[in-house]
Amino acid sequence: MDESVEVLCEKQGEAGLITLNRPKALNALTLAMVREMRRALDSWAHDPAVTRIVVQGAGEKAFCAGGDIRQLTQDLKAGRREEALAFWREEYQLNIAIKRYPKPYIALIDGIVMGGGVGVSLHGTHRVAGDRYLFAMPEVGIGFFPDVGATYALPRLPGQTGMYLALTGERVKRADAMMLGLATDAVPSGNIPGLRDALIGGDAVEAAFARVAVDPEEAPLEDQRELIDSCFSAGSVIEILARLDAAAAKGSEFAAKTAAGMRTKSPTSMCLAFEQVRRGASMDFEDAMKTEFRIVSRIGDGHDFHEGVRAVLIDKDNRPAWQPADLEGVEKAVVERHFADLGDRELEVA
């Protein structure tokens, strides 16, 4: 496969087949990829020869590990703010197009799916999880926030699991993803090529799945659901941590590990994510995406996004110096400002 072409969009049989084709970059999304996917999806929406969309990632490591965050922070630092915002604007509009898509939209996920990869898979009708499936929204660990529709999707997961994922960035394997509804079908990795060929060949979608799907294993997170719901239903991030600490003091290793992990994340990002999930529960999808564009239009003006990318992705010292350094220092007005109307720069969702 020619790696100079970042995304391949082609009609094969009855399928519009999209292959994210940057395996060395874990298929991270670029603006050119977003635009080509949108062009193809728009052209196939009313093409009677295309009865379903199939999306896959090249290579064996990742479906898509997210957006090209390094490039975006470089653009922001170099004063190319509008270039960075163009990526997020068009990415979010692509997410809306996928959510609204009039035909089955099937993501074949056998590897890492994070950030922007979630945006081009979770909002479709089918999320097929192979043996190597690994989901996360780890943005609070780089001073960012869970975007690409997480504002809508996370509050709609069972109980408080969405708030848990938003504030911890924890990784989720296939069994937990099936339990949470992040994945719709579990398929052995070795059966995915055959499933793709059956979908291309025009087999009825549900029948094609039924032939190869397997029952997922027992979900480890199920054992912690009561604790997650109890702790993450608190009225603030500070109170969530207090509840986790109390549970840890009573012997919960899960609570102790969860609290310790949260204390390494950006305090500002956790407060933003908390407010996102809280507000998103009553939003429709389009309003959620507008909200995310409001946040992303401002988050690059702060300190933590640049510092998180430096510490985690560039220098890789994993020692970010967050400002403020603790939750008590996060001003409510600062959080509120991220959610304010953008006026004539609002995200267009026509």
Foldseek 3Di string as FASTA:
>chain_A
DDLVDQWDFDAFQQEGEIERRNVVQLSADDLVSLVVVVVNLVVVLPPRSHQEYEQAYPDQAHRYAEHPLVVLLVCLVVVVLVNSLSSLLSLLLSLLCQLPRPHAYEYETRHEQEHSSLLSHQSGDAYEYEQHYKYWHQQLLQLAFRASQLLQPLLPWPANVSLLRRLQRDMAGDQVCCNRVSGVFYFYPVCVVVLVVCVSNPHDNVVSRVVGTDRGDHGPCVVCRVVSNVLSVDDFPVSSLVSLVVVVVVPDPVSVVRSVSSLLGALLRSRLRSVSNVVNNPDDRVVSSLQSSLLVSCSSVDDRNSQSCCCCPNVVVSRGCHVVSDNVRDDPVVSVNSRDDPVPPTRDND
